[in-house]
């Protein structure tokens, strides 16, 4: 397998403040799918970068066809500042796609990535969800055949596969302009992989992520196969956020990965002097994906995320 350096300039940088996209392109001897894998779109999610480092260490042993492009650190200045958003602009890069070449830095990064995706067949965008279990998140699809292909591909990760929250909620948060959602609208198979970790590298989470990425890269040639007549048409789980009605300190009683029943308590929000203000409860039965890693909550802040079973519409 040949390895070539990749660098995409976003403008005329001072060497000490470089914003360029840097990574590696790996090419196998046989023709096959061209997969783009990105990390650290959010600067406080550095476990995603480490997952790509460990993926690179294994590529030669596992990938025999096609090419893989790894960009471990997309949002360079945000990683250096250990913050989610692009510094100074305070803009969430993952809400700016497809971007523009002459706009803000966030727009320029998004535009450069969008151009790079044109040279690839599919995308794996790796993030972290804080105190969480790893899972693969799927966007909304207008093309049911593409949805089935991506669902089958995502299942090869051996991680839980979860659909995005309903569009009327996710679009309010700008998730229809995320990196993976934009790729899907271009007809490209794309997923968001969420790992554990918050500000610091989670070593175990990074290695679990690398294994899941390798699994999906190995399965990528199957994306071109004919779809079987049988098989699921949509992800079995749907993401649902639980927001707090109280401001205070959140004391969690459960852990990510726990299965919770409808109405089951996940933890308490307490005043600074310890009085219980209210209970954070599961709205439906499901898998507890993530618990807010920060104890201090304000009203309306996300306290936890559950994956609930998809409700099938009657025919």
C-alpha atoms as a PDB file:
ATOM      1  CA  UNK A   1       0.000   0.000   0.000  1.00  0.00           C
ATOM      2  CA  UNK A   2       1.361   3.420  -1.017  1.00  0.00           C
ATOM      3  CA  UNK A   3       1.081   6.376   1.345  1.00  0.00           C
ATOM      4  CA  UNK A   4       1.090   9.943   0.045  1.00  0.00           C
ATOM      5  CA  UNK A   5       0.879  13.156   2.090  1.00  0.00           C
ATOM      6  CA  UNK A   6      -2.122  15.409   1.499  1.00  0.00           C
ATOM      7  CA  UNK A   7      -2.320  19.141   2.221  1.00  0.00           C
ATOM      8  CA  UNK A   8      -5.061  21.581   1.218  1.00  0.00           C
ATOM      9  CA  UNK A   9      -4.346  25.247   1.881  1.00  0.00           C
ATOM     10  CA  UNK A  10      -7.220  27.487   2.960  1.00  0.00           C
ATOM     11  CA  UNK A  11      -5.359  30.766   2.493  1.00  0.00           C
ATOM     12  CA  UNK A  12      -2.093  32.526   3.249  1.00  0.00           C
ATOM     13  CA  UNK A  13      -1.257  31.489   6.815  1.00  0.00           C
ATOM     14  CA  UNK A  14       1.410  32.599   9.209  1.00  0.00           C
ATOM     15  CA  UNK A  15       3.427  29.364   9.735  1.00  0.00           C
ATOM     16  CA  UNK A  16       2.578  29.419  13.442  1.00  0.00           C
ATOM     17  CA  UNK A  17      -1.170  29.626  12.777  1.00  0.00           C
ATOM     18  CA  UNK A  18      -1.600  27.147   9.953  1.00  0.00           C
ATOM     19  CA  UNK A  19      -5.196  26.207   9.146  1.00  0.00           C
ATOM     20  CA  UNK A  20      -4.460  23.835   6.250  1.00  0.00           C
ATOM     21  CA  UNK A  21      -6.103  20.432   6.025  1.00  0.00           C
ATOM     22  CA  UNK A  22      -3.395  17.798   6.378  1.00  0.00           C
ATOM     23  CA  UNK A  23      -3.544  14.045   6.181  1.00  0.00           C
ATOM     24  CA  UNK A  24      -2.555  10.975   4.226  1.00  0.00           C
ATOM     25  CA  UNK A  25      -3.896   9.106   1.224  1.00  0.00           C
ATOM     26  CA  UNK A  26      -3.361   5.350   1.134  1.00  0.00           C
ATOM     27  CA  UNK A  27      -3.712   3.478  -2.161  1.00  0.00           C
ATOM     28  CA  UNK A  28      -3.910  -0.288  -2.499  1.00  0.00           C
ATOM     29  CA  UNK A  29      -2.699  -2.137  -5.591  1.00  0.00           C
ATOM     30  CA  UNK A  30      -6.234  -3.148  -6.621  1.00  0.00           C
ATOM     31  CA  UNK A  31      -9.004  -0.800  -7.695  1.00  0.00           C
ATOM     32  CA  UNK A  32     -11.821  -0.300  -5.233  1.00  0.00           C
ATOM     33  CA  UNK A  33     -13.886   2.262  -3.344  1.00  0.00           C
ATOM     34  CA  UNK A  34     -12.359   5.597  -2.369  1.00  0.00           C
ATOM     35  CA  UNK A  35     -13.217   6.370   1.251  1.00  0.00           C
ATOM     36  CA  UNK A  36     -12.679   9.683   3.052  1.00  0.00           C
ATOM     37  CA  UNK A  37     -12.351   9.569   6.862  1.00  0.00           C
ATOM     38  CA  UNK A  38     -12.253  12.793   8.896  1.00  0.00           C
ATOM     39  CA  UNK A  39     -11.754  13.629  12.571  1.00  0.00           C
ATOM     40  CA  UNK A  40     -11.898  16.640  14.901  1.00  0.00           C
ATOM     41  CA  UNK A  41     -14.486  18.668  13.022  1.00  0.00           C
ATOM     42  CA  UNK A  42     -15.126  19.853  16.590  1.00  0.00           C
ATOM     43  CA  UNK A  43     -11.929  20.883  18.334  1.00  0.00           C
ATOM     44  CA  UNK A  44     -12.763  19.382  21.737  1.00  0.00           C
ATOM     45  CA  UNK A  45     -13.295  15.896  20.235  1.00  0.00           C
ATOM     46  CA  UNK A  46      -9.679  14.770  19.949  1.00  0.00           C
ATOM     47  CA  UNK A  47     -10.400  11.084  20.577  1.00  0.00           C
ATOM     48  CA  UNK A  48     -11.604  11.116  16.969  1.00  0.00           C
ATOM     49  CA  UNK A  49      -8.116  12.177  15.846  1.00  0.00           C
ATOM     50  CA  UNK A  50      -6.515   9.388  17.865  1.00  0.00           C
ATOM     51  CA  UNK A  51      -8.930   6.873  16.313  1.00  0.00           C
ATOM     52  CA  UNK A  52      -7.649   7.875  12.874  1.00  0.00           C
ATOM     53  CA  UNK A  53      -4.015   7.572  14.012  1.00  0.00           C
ATOM     54  CA  UNK A  54      -4.671   3.989  15.131  1.00  0.00           C
ATOM     55  CA  UNK A  55      -6.611   3.277  11.938  1.00  0.00           C
ATOM     56  CA  UNK A  56      -3.536   4.326   9.934  1.00  0.00           C
ATOM     57  CA  UNK A  57      -1.411   1.857  11.885  1.00  0.00           C
ATOM     58  CA  UNK A  58      -3.617  -1.028  10.693  1.00  0.00           C
ATOM     59  CA  UNK A  59      -4.473  -0.093   7.110  1.00  0.00           C
ATOM     60  CA  UNK A  60      -1.676  -2.028   5.457  1.00  0.00           C
ATOM     61  CA  UNK A  61      -2.740  -5.230   7.220  1.00  0.00           C
ATOM     62  CA  UNK A  62      -6.404  -4.997   6.294  1.00  0.00           C
ATOM     63  CA  UNK A  63      -7.102  -2.914   3.196  1.00  0.00           C
ATOM     64  CA  UNK A  64      -6.301  -4.605  -0.120  1.00  0.00           C
ATOM     65  CA  UNK A  65      -8.362  -2.586  -2.611  1.00  0.00           C
ATOM     66  CA  UNK A  66      -9.240   1.021  -3.268  1.00  0.00           C
ATOM     67  CA  UNK A  67      -7.977   4.046  -1.397  1.00  0.00           C
ATOM     68  CA  UNK A  68      -8.441   5.641   2.014  1.00  0.00           C
ATOM     69  CA  UNK A  69      -7.867   9.309   2.805  1.00  0.00           C
ATOM     70  CA  UNK A  70      -7.407  10.158   6.484  1.00  0.00           C
ATOM     71  CA  UNK A  71      -7.611  13.729   7.808  1.00  0.00           C
ATOM     72  CA  UNK A  72      -7.231  13.321  11.585  1.00  0.00           C
ATOM     73  CA  UNK A  73      -7.596  17.001  12.489  1.00  0.00           C
ATOM     74  CA  UNK A  74      -9.979  19.100  10.396  1.00  0.00           C
ATOM     75  CA  UNK A  75     -10.556  22.040  12.761  1.00  0.00           C
ATOM     76  CA  UNK A  76      -6.912  22.789  13.573  1.00  0.00           C
ATOM     77  CA  UNK A  77      -7.266  26.077  15.458  1.00  0.00           C
ATOM     78  CA  UNK A  78     -10.162  24.731  17.541  1.00  0.00           C
ATOM     79  CA  UNK A  79      -8.108  21.670  18.520  1.00  0.00           C
ATOM     80  CA  UNK A  80      -5.262  23.919  19.641  1.00  0.00           C
ATOM     81  CA  UNK A  81      -7.737  25.922  21.732  1.00  0.00           C
ATOM     82  CA  UNK A  82      -9.498  22.737  22.947  1.00  0.00           C
ATOM     83  CA  UNK A  83     -12.882  24.172  22.054  1.00  0.00           C
ATOM     84  CA  UNK A  84     -15.775  22.945  19.949  1.00  0.00           C
ATOM     85  CA  UNK A  85     -16.158  25.956  17.677  1.00  0.00           C
ATOM     86  CA  UNK A  86     -13.792  27.739  15.322  1.00  0.00           C
ATOM     87  CA  UNK A  87     -11.899  30.242  17.535  1.00  0.00           C
ATOM     88  CA  UNK A  88     -12.710  33.962  17.228  1.00  0.00           C
ATOM     89  CA  UNK A  89     -15.596  33.190  14.864  1.00  0.00           C
ATOM     90  CA  UNK A  90     -17.385  31.060  17.502  1.00  0.00           C
ATOM     91  CA  UNK A  91     -19.013  29.110  14.687  1.00  0.00           C
ATOM     92  CA  UNK A  92     -19.853  25.418  14.671  1.00  0.00           C
ATOM     93  CA  UNK A  93     -18.109  24.077  11.562  1.00  0.00           C
ATOM     94  CA  UNK A  94     -20.512  21.136  11.449  1.00  0.00           C
ATOM     95  CA  UNK A  95     -23.385  23.515  10.617  1.00  0.00           C
ATOM     96  CA  UNK A  96     -21.737  25.295   7.643  1.00  0.00           C
ATOM     97  CA  UNK A  97     -21.748  22.818   4.751  1.00  0.00           C
ATOM     98  CA  UNK A  98     -21.184  23.110   1.842  1.00  0.00           C
ATOM     99  CA  UNK A  99     -19.408  26.339   2.770  1.00  0.00           C
ATOM    100  CA  UNK A 100     -17.858  28.870   0.376  1.00  0.00           C
ATOM    101  CA  UNK A 101     -14.282  29.549  -0.776  1.00  0.00           C
ATOM    102  CA  UNK A 102     -14.196  33.251   0.162  1.00  0.00           C
ATOM    103  CA  UNK A 103     -16.118  33.284   3.441  1.00  0.00           C
ATOM    104  CA  UNK A 104     -15.257  32.852   7.094  1.00  0.00           C
ATOM    105  CA  UNK A 105     -12.697  30.222   8.075  1.00  0.00           C
ATOM    106  CA  UNK A 106     -15.495  27.766   8.926  1.00  0.00           C
ATOM    107  CA  UNK A 107     -16.956  28.249   5.444  1.00  0.00           C
ATOM    108  CA  UNK A 108     -13.556  27.774   3.799  1.00  0.00           C
ATOM    109  CA  UNK A 109     -12.900  24.536   5.688  1.00  0.00           C
ATOM    110  CA  UNK A 110     -16.353  23.240   4.747  1.00  0.00           C
ATOM    111  CA  UNK A 111     -15.832  24.201   1.094  1.00  0.00           C
ATOM    112  CA  UNK A 112     -12.433  22.486   0.969  1.00  0.00           C
ATOM    113  CA  UNK A 113     -13.883  19.292   2.442  1.00  0.00           C
ATOM    114  CA  UNK A 114     -16.817  19.388   0.034  1.00  0.00           C
ATOM    115  CA  UNK A 115     -14.391  19.614  -2.876  1.00  0.00           C
ATOM    116  CA  UNK A 116     -12.318  16.749  -1.508  1.00  0.00           C
ATOM    117  CA  UNK A 117     -15.422  14.572  -1.190  1.00  0.00           C
ATOM    118  CA  UNK A 118     -15.982  14.865  -4.947  1.00  0.00           C
ATOM    119  CA  UNK A 119     -12.888  12.652  -5.368  1.00  0.00           C
ATOM    120  CA  UNK A 120     -14.286   9.991  -3.018  1.00  0.00           C
ATOM    121  CA  UNK A 121     -17.134   7.503  -2.994  1.00  0.00           C
ATOM    122  CA  UNK A 122     -18.098   7.555   0.693  1.00  0.00           C
ATOM    123  CA  UNK A 123     -17.472   9.360   3.990  1.00  0.00           C
ATOM    124  CA  UNK A 124     -16.897   8.358   7.618  1.00  0.00           C
ATOM    125  CA  UNK A 125     -16.881  11.447   9.853  1.00  0.00           C
ATOM    126  CA  UNK A 126     -15.656  10.634  13.369  1.00  0.00           C
ATOM    127  CA  UNK A 127     -16.758  12.621  16.435  1.00  0.00           C
ATOM    128  CA  UNK A 128     -17.031  12.100  20.189  1.00  0.00           C
ATOM    129  CA  UNK A 129     -20.122  12.376  22.366  1.00  0.00           C
ATOM    130  CA  UNK A 130     -18.507  12.930  25.772  1.00  0.00           C
ATOM    131  CA  UNK A 131     -19.411  10.373  28.433  1.00  0.00           C
ATOM    132  CA  UNK A 132     -20.925   7.876  26.041  1.00  0.00           C
ATOM    133  CA  UNK A 133     -20.893   4.512  24.377  1.00  0.00           C
ATOM    134  CA  UNK A 134     -19.641   4.437  20.772  1.00  0.00           C
ATOM    135  CA  UNK A 135     -22.334   4.369  18.102  1.00  0.00           C
ATOM    136  CA  UNK A 136     -22.938   5.188  14.444  1.00  0.00           C
ATOM    137  CA  UNK A 137     -25.402   7.961  13.663  1.00  0.00           C
ATOM    138  CA  UNK A 138     -27.344   8.091  10.384  1.00  0.00           C
ATOM    139  CA  UNK A 139     -28.788  11.220   8.803  1.00  0.00           C
ATOM    140  CA  UNK A 140     -32.121  11.641   7.057  1.00  0.00           C
ATOM    141  CA  UNK A 141     -32.338  10.129   3.577  1.00  0.00           C
ATOM    142  CA  UNK A 142     -34.496  11.152   0.636  1.00  0.00           C
ATOM    143  CA  UNK A 143     -33.279   8.071  -1.288  1.00  0.00           C
ATOM    144  CA  UNK A 144     -34.485   4.851   0.359  1.00  0.00           C
ATOM    145  CA  UNK A 145     -32.018   2.710  -1.594  1.00  0.00           C
ATOM    146  CA  UNK A 146     -29.104   4.830  -0.383  1.00  0.00           C
ATOM    147  CA  UNK A 147     -30.463   4.567   3.148  1.00  0.00           C
ATOM    148  CA  UNK A 148     -30.499   0.772   2.953  1.00  0.00           C
ATOM    149  CA  UNK A 149     -26.943   0.686   1.604  1.00  0.00           C
ATOM    150  CA  UNK A 150     -25.665   2.963   4.348  1.00  0.00           C
ATOM    151  CA  UNK A 151     -27.561   1.025   7.011  1.00  0.00           C
ATOM    152  CA  UNK A 152     -25.989  -2.242   5.879  1.00  0.00           C
ATOM    153  CA  UNK A 153     -22.544  -0.589   5.767  1.00  0.00           C
ATOM    154  CA  UNK A 154     -22.919   1.000   9.206  1.00  0.00           C
ATOM    155  CA  UNK A 155     -23.921  -2.333  10.744  1.00  0.00           C
ATOM    156  CA  UNK A 156     -20.488  -3.690   9.745  1.00  0.00           C
ATOM    157  CA  UNK A 157     -18.946  -1.361  12.348  1.00  0.00           C
ATOM    158  CA  UNK A 158     -20.274  -3.700  15.080  1.00  0.00           C
ATOM    159  CA  UNK A 159     -21.523  -0.592  16.928  1.00  0.00           C
ATOM    160  CA  UNK A 160     -25.149   0.358  17.640  1.00  0.00           C
ATOM    161  CA  UNK A 161     -26.650   2.082  14.602  1.00  0.00           C
ATOM    162  CA  UNK A 162     -28.926   4.990  15.495  1.00  0.00           C
ATOM    163  CA  UNK A 163     -31.004   7.260  13.263  1.00  0.00           C
ATOM    164  CA  UNK A 164     -30.985  11.008  13.775  1.00  0.00           C
ATOM    165  CA  UNK A 165     -33.788  12.626  15.768  1.00  0.00           C
ATOM    166  CA  UNK A 166     -36.863  13.694  13.730  1.00  0.00           C
ATOM    167  CA  UNK A 167     -36.088  16.309  11.092  1.00  0.00           C
ATOM    168  CA  UNK A 168     -38.302  18.971  12.659  1.00  0.00           C
ATOM    169  CA  UNK A 169     -36.019  18.820  15.720  1.00  0.00           C
ATOM    170  CA  UNK A 170     -32.635  18.177  14.108  1.00  0.00           C
ATOM    171  CA  UNK A 171     -33.120  20.934  11.528  1.00  0.00           C
ATOM    172  CA  UNK A 172     -33.736  23.458  14.315  1.00  0.00           C
ATOM    173  CA  UNK A 173     -30.215  22.634  15.491  1.00  0.00           C
ATOM    174  CA  UNK A 174     -28.778  23.088  12.007  1.00  0.00           C
ATOM    175  CA  UNK A 175     -27.961  19.398  11.621  1.00  0.00           C
ATOM    176  CA  UNK A 176     -29.267  19.455   8.061  1.00  0.00           C
ATOM    177  CA  UNK A 177     -26.082  21.434   7.267  1.00  0.00           C
ATOM    178  CA  UNK A 178     -23.711  18.978   8.915  1.00  0.00           C
ATOM    179  CA  UNK A 179     -20.823  17.360   7.032  1.00  0.00           C
ATOM    180  CA  UNK A 180     -22.396  13.903   6.765  1.00  0.00           C
ATOM    181  CA  UNK A 181     -25.898  15.230   6.000  1.00  0.00           C
ATOM    182  CA  UNK A 182     -24.513  17.274   3.117  1.00  0.00           C
ATOM    183  CA  UNK A 183     -22.624  14.238   1.792  1.00  0.00           C
ATOM    184  CA  UNK A 184     -25.822  12.177   1.872  1.00  0.00           C
ATOM    185  CA  UNK A 185     -27.629  14.861  -0.125  1.00  0.00           C
ATOM    186  CA  UNK A 186     -24.933  14.469  -2.788  1.00  0.00           C
ATOM    187  CA  UNK A 187     -25.861  10.792  -3.041  1.00  0.00           C
ATOM    188  CA  UNK A 188     -22.750   9.623  -1.167  1.00  0.00           C
ATOM    189  CA  UNK A 189     -22.872   6.911   1.516  1.00  0.00           C
ATOM    190  CA  UNK A 190     -21.929   8.772   4.708  1.00  0.00           C
ATOM    191  CA  UNK A 191     -22.087   8.212   8.467  1.00  0.00           C
ATOM    192  CA  UNK A 192     -21.157  10.019  11.654  1.00  0.00           C
ATOM    193  CA  UNK A 193     -19.311   7.790  14.117  1.00  0.00           C
ATOM    194  CA  UNK A 194     -19.577   8.939  17.744  1.00  0.00           C
ATOM    195  CA  UNK A 195     -16.925   7.772  20.233  1.00  0.00           C
ATOM    196  CA  UNK A 196     -16.363   8.435  23.928  1.00  0.00           C
ATOM    197  CA  UNK A 197     -14.176  11.331  25.031  1.00  0.00           C
ATOM    198  CA  UNK A 198     -14.360  15.008  25.963  1.00  0.00           C
ATOM    199  CA  UNK A 199     -11.397  17.403  25.590  1.00  0.00           C
ATOM    200  CA  UNK A 200      -8.876  14.628  26.379  1.00  0.00           C
ATOM    201  CA  UNK A 201      -8.020  11.521  24.345  1.00  0.00           C
ATOM    202  CA  UNK A 202      -9.856   8.437  25.574  1.00  0.00           C
ATOM    203  CA  UNK A 203      -7.322   5.695  24.762  1.00  0.00           C
ATOM    204  CA  UNK A 204      -9.836   2.836  24.920  1.00  0.00           C
ATOM    205  CA  UNK A 205     -12.405   4.804  22.938  1.00  0.00           C
ATOM    206  CA  UNK A 206      -9.843   5.629  20.254  1.00  0.00           C
ATOM    207  CA  UNK A 207      -8.932   1.973  19.756  1.00  0.00           C
ATOM    208  CA  UNK A 208     -12.596   0.930  19.673  1.00  0.00           C
ATOM    209  CA  UNK A 209     -13.161   3.602  17.064  1.00  0.00           C
ATOM    210  CA  UNK A 210     -10.214   2.403  14.980  1.00  0.00           C
ATOM    211  CA  UNK A 211     -11.604  -1.135  15.013  1.00  0.00           C
ATOM    212  CA  UNK A 212     -15.026   0.101  13.891  1.00  0.00           C
ATOM    213  CA  UNK A 213     -13.474   2.208  11.118  1.00  0.00           C
ATOM    214  CA  UNK A 214     -11.400  -0.729   9.862  1.00  0.00           C
ATOM    215  CA  UNK A 215     -14.538  -2.898   9.897  1.00  0.00           C
ATOM    216  CA  UNK A 216     -16.358  -0.377   7.713  1.00  0.00           C
ATOM    217  CA  UNK A 217     -13.404   0.087   5.365  1.00  0.00           C
ATOM    218  CA  UNK A 218     -13.231  -3.674   4.865  1.00  0.00           C
ATOM    219  CA  UNK A 219     -16.936  -3.731   4.040  1.00  0.00           C
ATOM    220  CA  UNK A 220     -16.837  -0.718   1.697  1.00  0.00           C
ATOM    221  CA  UNK A 221     -16.518  -2.814  -1.506  1.00  0.00           C
ATOM    222  CA  UNK A 222     -19.959  -4.258  -0.711  1.00  0.00           C
ATOM    223  CA  UNK A 223     -21.539  -0.802  -1.128  1.00  0.00           C
ATOM    224  CA  UNK A 224     -21.692  -1.460  -4.871  1.00  0.00           C
ATOM    225  CA  UNK A 225     -23.341  -4.872  -4.512  1.00  0.00           C
ATOM    226  CA  UNK A 226     -26.978  -5.436  -5.339  1.00  0.00           C
ATOM    227  CA  UNK A 227     -29.218  -4.918  -2.327  1.00  0.00           C
ATOM    228  CA  UNK A 228     -30.852  -8.050  -0.926  1.00  0.00           C
ATOM    229  CA  UNK A 229     -34.621  -8.154  -1.120  1.00  0.00           C
ATOM    230  CA  UNK A 230     -34.873  -8.800   2.590  1.00  0.00           C
ATOM    231  CA  UNK A 231     -33.322  -6.742   5.341  1.00  0.00           C
ATOM    232  CA  UNK A 232     -34.072  -3.658   7.431  1.00  0.00           C
ATOM    233  CA  UNK A 233     -35.063  -0.488   5.600  1.00  0.00           C
ATOM    234  CA  UNK A 234     -34.160   1.895   8.428  1.00  0.00           C
ATOM    235  CA  UNK A 235     -32.093   2.013  11.610  1.00  0.00           C
ATOM    236  CA  UNK A 236     -33.777   0.234  14.538  1.00  0.00           C
ATOM    237  CA  UNK A 237     -32.982   3.061  16.974  1.00  0.00           C
ATOM    238  CA  UNK A 238     -33.680   6.804  16.901  1.00  0.00           C
ATOM    239  CA  UNK A 239     -31.703   9.389  18.855  1.00  0.00           C
ATOM    240  CA  UNK A 240     -33.616  11.377  21.467  1.00  0.00           C
ATOM    241  CA  UNK A 241     -32.151  14.093  23.686  1.00  0.00           C
ATOM    242  CA  UNK A 242     -33.344  14.644  27.264  1.00  0.00           C
ATOM    243  CA  UNK A 243     -33.171  18.311  28.270  1.00  0.00           C
ATOM    244  CA  UNK A 244     -33.299  19.616  31.824  1.00  0.00           C
ATOM    245  CA  UNK A 245     -36.208  21.666  33.184  1.00  0.00           C
ATOM    246  CA  UNK A 246     -34.001  22.825  36.055  1.00  0.00           C
ATOM    247  CA  UNK A 247     -30.759  24.674  36.524  1.00  0.00           C
ATOM    248  CA  UNK A 248     -28.366  23.165  39.060  1.00  0.00           C
ATOM    249  CA  UNK A 249     -25.894  20.310  39.436  1.00  0.00           C
ATOM    250  CA  UNK A 250     -26.695  17.004  37.739  1.00  0.00           C
ATOM    251  CA  UNK A 251     -25.918  13.841  39.702  1.00  0.00           C
ATOM    252  CA  UNK A 252     -26.198  10.850  37.357  1.00  0.00           C
ATOM    253  CA  UNK A 253     -27.256   7.491  38.799  1.00  0.00           C
ATOM    254  CA  UNK A 254     -26.938   5.469  35.597  1.00  0.00           C
ATOM    255  CA  UNK A 255     -24.138   4.927  33.080  1.00  0.00           C
ATOM    256  CA  UNK A 256     -23.945   5.073  29.272  1.00  0.00           C
ATOM    257  CA  UNK A 257     -24.731   1.654  27.858  1.00  0.00           C
ATOM    258  CA  UNK A 258     -27.460   0.963  30.423  1.00  0.00           C
ATOM    259  CA  UNK A 259     -30.887  -0.043  29.189  1.00  0.00           C
ATOM    260  CA  UNK A 260     -33.549   2.129  30.800  1.00  0.00           C
ATOM    261  CA  UNK A 261     -37.303   1.798  31.005  1.00  0.00           C
ATOM    262  CA  UNK A 262     -39.859   4.487  30.225  1.00  0.00           C
ATOM    263  CA  UNK A 263     -39.983   6.933  33.129  1.00  0.00           C
ATOM    264  CA  UNK A 264     -36.920   5.418  34.802  1.00  0.00           C
ATOM    265  CA  UNK A 265     -34.768   7.925  36.653  1.00  0.00           C
ATOM    266  CA  UNK A 266     -31.319   8.630  35.201  1.00  0.00           C
ATOM    267  CA  UNK A 267     -30.286  11.094  37.892  1.00  0.00           C
ATOM    268  CA  UNK A 268     -31.157  14.173  39.929  1.00  0.00           C
ATOM    269  CA  UNK A 269     -30.667  17.871  39.361  1.00  0.00           C
ATOM    270  CA  UNK A 270     -29.846  19.432  42.736  1.00  0.00           C
ATOM    271  CA  UNK A 271     -29.382  22.942  44.028  1.00  0.00           C
ATOM    272  CA  UNK A 272     -25.896  24.044  45.039  1.00  0.00           C
ATOM    273  CA  UNK A 273     -26.841  23.245  48.642  1.00  0.00           C
ATOM    274  CA  UNK A 274     -28.035  19.740  47.732  1.00  0.00           C
ATOM    275  CA  UNK A 275     -31.829  19.990  47.622  1.00  0.00           C
ATOM    276  CA  UNK A 276     -33.350  17.830  44.859  1.00  0.00           C
ATOM    277  CA  UNK A 277     -34.908  20.092  42.240  1.00  0.00           C
ATOM    278  CA  UNK A 278     -36.098  17.441  39.820  1.00  0.00           C
ATOM    279  CA  UNK A 279     -35.396  14.044  38.321  1.00  0.00           C
ATOM    280  CA  UNK A 280     -34.027  13.449  34.833  1.00  0.00           C
ATOM    281  CA  UNK A 281     -36.063  10.518  33.496  1.00  0.00           C
ATOM    282  CA  UNK A 282     -36.055   8.454  30.333  1.00  0.00           C
ATOM    283  CA  UNK A 283     -39.025   9.539  28.189  1.00  0.00           C
ATOM    284  CA  UNK A 284     -39.158   6.095  26.576  1.00  0.00           C
ATOM    285  CA  UNK A 285     -37.487   2.741  27.027  1.00  0.00           C
ATOM    286  CA  UNK A 286     -34.169   2.499  25.263  1.00  0.00           C
ATOM    287  CA  UNK A 287     -30.386   2.451  25.338  1.00  0.00           C
ATOM    288  CA  UNK A 288     -28.651   5.215  27.290  1.00  0.00           C
ATOM    289  CA  UNK A 289     -26.162   6.528  24.726  1.00  0.00           C
ATOM    290  CA  UNK A 290     -24.689   9.528  26.499  1.00  0.00           C
ATOM    291  CA  UNK A 291     -24.758  11.434  29.781  1.00  0.00           C
ATOM    292  CA  UNK A 292     -23.792  15.095  29.954  1.00  0.00           C
ATOM    293  CA  UNK A 293     -20.126  15.179  31.081  1.00  0.00           C
ATOM    294  CA  UNK A 294     -20.648  18.562  32.770  1.00  0.00           C
ATOM    295  CA  UNK A 295     -22.423  18.573  36.123  1.00  0.00           C
ATOM    296  CA  UNK A 296     -23.559  22.216  35.930  1.00  0.00           C
ATOM    297  CA  UNK A 297     -26.812  22.453  33.954  1.00  0.00           C
ATOM    298  CA  UNK A 298     -28.991  25.381  33.005  1.00  0.00           C
ATOM    299  CA  UNK A 299     -32.641  25.188  31.988  1.00  0.00           C
ATOM    300  CA  UNK A 300     -32.971  23.538  28.581  1.00  0.00           C
ATOM    301  CA  UNK A 301     -29.476  22.039  28.585  1.00  0.00           C
ATOM    302  CA  UNK A 302     -29.097  18.453  27.356  1.00  0.00           C
ATOM    303  CA  UNK A 303     -28.699  16.107  30.322  1.00  0.00           C
ATOM    304  CA  UNK A 304     -28.583  12.778  28.480  1.00  0.00           C
ATOM    305  CA  UNK A 305     -29.307  11.066  25.172  1.00  0.00           C
ATOM    306  CA  UNK A 306     -31.161   7.806  24.661  1.00  0.00           C
ATOM    307  CA  UNK A 307     -31.684   5.613  21.627  1.00  0.00           C
ATOM    308  CA  UNK A 308     -35.354   4.653  21.501  1.00  0.00           C
ATOM    309  CA  UNK A 309     -36.920   2.025  19.295  1.00  0.00           C
ATOM    310  CA  UNK A 310     -38.174   3.315  15.971  1.00  0.00           C
ATOM    311  CA  UNK A 311     -41.950   3.372  15.800  1.00  0.00           C
ATOM    312  CA  UNK A 312     -43.097   1.703  12.608  1.00  0.00           C
ATOM    313  CA  UNK A 313     -45.903   3.434  10.751  1.00  0.00           C
ATOM    314  CA  UNK A 314     -48.928   1.213  10.118  1.00  0.00           C
ATOM    315  CA  UNK A 315     -49.412   0.340   6.458  1.00  0.00           C
END
